[in-house]
Amino acid sequence: MFQKTQLIDLLILILISLGTVLCYHSYNNEFEGNHGLFTVVYLLLNLGFSLLSCVLVVMREDLYLLMSKNRGTAKATDNLASTGRYKIIIGECFLILVQPSPFFVGWKYSVFNQSV
């Protein structure tokens, strides 16, 4: 089971790395003023990778709970909610999903400080 959790962690790392590369390329397209199809596709792929990573996080935490049950450190009736592992899942998924959104491609905003 530990090897499965390591494999899941490796898959999460690969997906997040691919998403970072896609964000980099979409930022370059945005910076150059090219709001074409590639920018949206890159960010949609990144969103998909992030959602898949969140599913993998839930699977990994479920495996950790199963390992704890097999070791005898958790009760057989424990689940992710009763052990508090859902907080880890929510926190990690929040960090994974903080990303450039494909729904804001082409939006611009300006900040003006009038106190100077």
Protein backbone atom coordinates (compact mmCIF):
# COMPACT_ATOMS: atom_id res chain seq x y z
CA MET A 1 0.00 0.00 0.00
CA PHE A 2 2.86 2.35 0.73
CA GLN A 3 4.12 1.94 -2.84
CA LYS A 4 0.66 2.89 -4.10
CA THR A 5 0.73 6.08 -2.04
CA GLN A 6 4.18 6.88 -3.41
CA LEU A 7 2.92 6.30 -6.96
CA ILE A 8 -0.05 8.59 -6.31
CA ASP A 9 2.28 11.29 -4.94
CA LEU A 10 4.45 10.95 -8.04
CA LEU A 11 1.40 11.29 -10.30
CA ILE A 12 0.30 14.40 -8.41
CA LEU A 13 3.78 15.88 -8.82
CA ILE A 14 3.78 15.17 -12.56
CA LEU A 15 0.30 16.65 -13.06
CA ILE A 16 1.11 19.79 -11.07
CA SER A 17 4.41 20.20 -12.95
CA LEU A 18 2.64 19.88 -16.30
CA GLY A 19 0.06 22.42 -15.13
CA THR A 20 2.82 24.85 -14.16
CA VAL A 21 4.40 24.55 -17.60
CA LEU A 22 1.00 25.14 -19.23
CA CYS A 23 0.43 28.21 -17.04
CA TYR A 24 3.82 29.55 -18.06
CA HIS A 25 3.00 29.19 -21.75
CA SER A 26 -0.46 30.70 -21.35
CA TYR A 27 1.03 33.66 -19.45
CA ASN A 28 3.47 34.27 -22.29
CA ASN A 29 0.59 34.24 -24.76
CA GLU A 30 -1.41 36.65 -22.58
CA PHE A 31 1.57 38.95 -22.12
CA GLU A 32 2.11 39.15 -25.87
CA GLY A 33 -1.56 40.02 -26.36
CA ASN A 34 -2.36 36.74 -28.05
CA HIS A 35 -5.70 35.65 -26.58
CA GLY A 36 -6.05 32.79 -28.97
CA LEU A 37 -7.34 29.30 -28.60
CA PHE A 38 -4.06 27.96 -27.22
CA THR A 39 -4.25 30.13 -24.11
CA VAL A 40 -7.71 28.86 -23.21
CA VAL A 41 -6.79 25.27 -24.04
CA TYR A 42 -3.65 25.44 -21.87
CA LEU A 43 -5.62 26.76 -18.92
CA LEU A 44 -8.44 24.25 -19.40
CA LEU A 45 -5.89 21.44 -19.44
CA ASN A 46 -4.35 22.88 -16.29
CA LEU A 47 -7.76 22.96 -14.63
CA GLY A 48 -8.31 19.33 -15.61
CA PHE A 49 -4.90 18.35 -14.23
CA SER A 50 -5.72 20.15 -10.98
CA LEU A 51 -9.09 18.43 -10.60
CA LEU A 52 -7.49 15.06 -11.30
CA SER A 53 -4.83 15.86 -8.69
CA CYS A 54 -7.57 16.56 -6.14
CA VAL A 55 -9.12 13.16 -6.88
CA LEU A 56 -5.70 11.58 -6.38
CA VAL A 57 -5.30 13.41 -3.05
CA VAL A 58 -8.57 11.89 -1.83
CA MET A 59 -7.43 8.45 -2.99
CA ARG A 60 -4.08 8.87 -1.23
CA GLU A 61 -5.67 9.94 2.05
CA ASP A 62 -8.05 6.98 1.82
CA LEU A 63 -5.06 4.68 1.40
CA TYR A 64 -3.37 6.28 4.42
CA LEU A 65 -6.50 5.60 6.45
CA LEU A 66 -6.60 2.01 5.25
CA MET A 67 -2.94 1.59 6.21
CA SER A 68 -3.70 3.01 9.66
CA LYS A 69 -6.54 0.52 10.08
CA ASN A 70 -4.28 -2.36 9.06
CA ARG A 71 -1.61 -1.24 11.55
CA GLY A 72 -4.18 -0.95 14.30
CA THR A 73 -3.67 2.78 14.87
CA ALA A 74 -7.21 3.55 13.68
CA LYS A 75 -10.51 1.88 14.44
CA ALA A 76 -12.24 -0.22 11.82
CA THR A 77 -15.20 2.19 11.87
CA ASP A 78 -13.08 5.31 11.24
CA ASN A 79 -13.51 7.28 8.05
CA LEU A 80 -11.99 10.45 6.61
CA ALA A 81 -14.45 12.68 8.46
CA SER A 82 -14.13 11.07 11.88
CA THR A 83 -10.32 11.10 11.81
CA GLY A 84 -10.07 14.73 10.65
CA ARG A 85 -8.25 13.84 7.44
CA TYR A 86 -10.83 15.81 5.48
CA LYS A 87 -9.07 18.98 6.68
CA ILE A 88 -5.87 17.82 4.99
CA ILE A 89 -7.81 17.08 1.81
CA ILE A 90 -9.55 20.46 1.79
CA GLY A 91 -6.31 22.34 2.46
CA GLU A 92 -4.33 20.49 -0.16
CA CYS A 93 -7.06 20.76 -2.80
CA PHE A 94 -7.37 24.48 -2.09
CA LEU A 95 -3.64 24.90 -2.71
CA ILE A 96 -3.82 22.81 -5.87
CA LEU A 97 -6.81 24.73 -7.27
CA VAL A 98 -5.25 28.18 -6.79
CA GLN A 99 -4.34 28.70 -10.40
CA PRO A 100 -4.97 30.98 -13.34
CA SER A 101 -8.55 30.48 -14.44
CA PRO A 102 -9.40 29.87 -18.09
CA PHE A 103 -12.59 31.87 -17.61
CA PHE A 104 -10.73 35.18 -17.19
CA VAL A 105 -8.64 35.10 -20.36
CA GLY A 106 -8.50 38.55 -21.86
CA TRP A 107 -9.64 40.39 -18.74
CA LYS A 108 -7.48 43.31 -17.65
CA TYR A 109 -7.53 45.37 -14.51
CA SER A 110 -5.61 48.40 -13.34
CA VAL A 111 -4.67 49.50 -9.86
CA PHE A 112 -4.42 53.20 -9.20
CA ASN A 113 -3.09 54.60 -5.94
CA GLN A 114 -4.42 58.11 -5.44
CA SER A 115 -2.74 58.75 -2.07
CA VAL A 116 0.63 59.70 -3.61
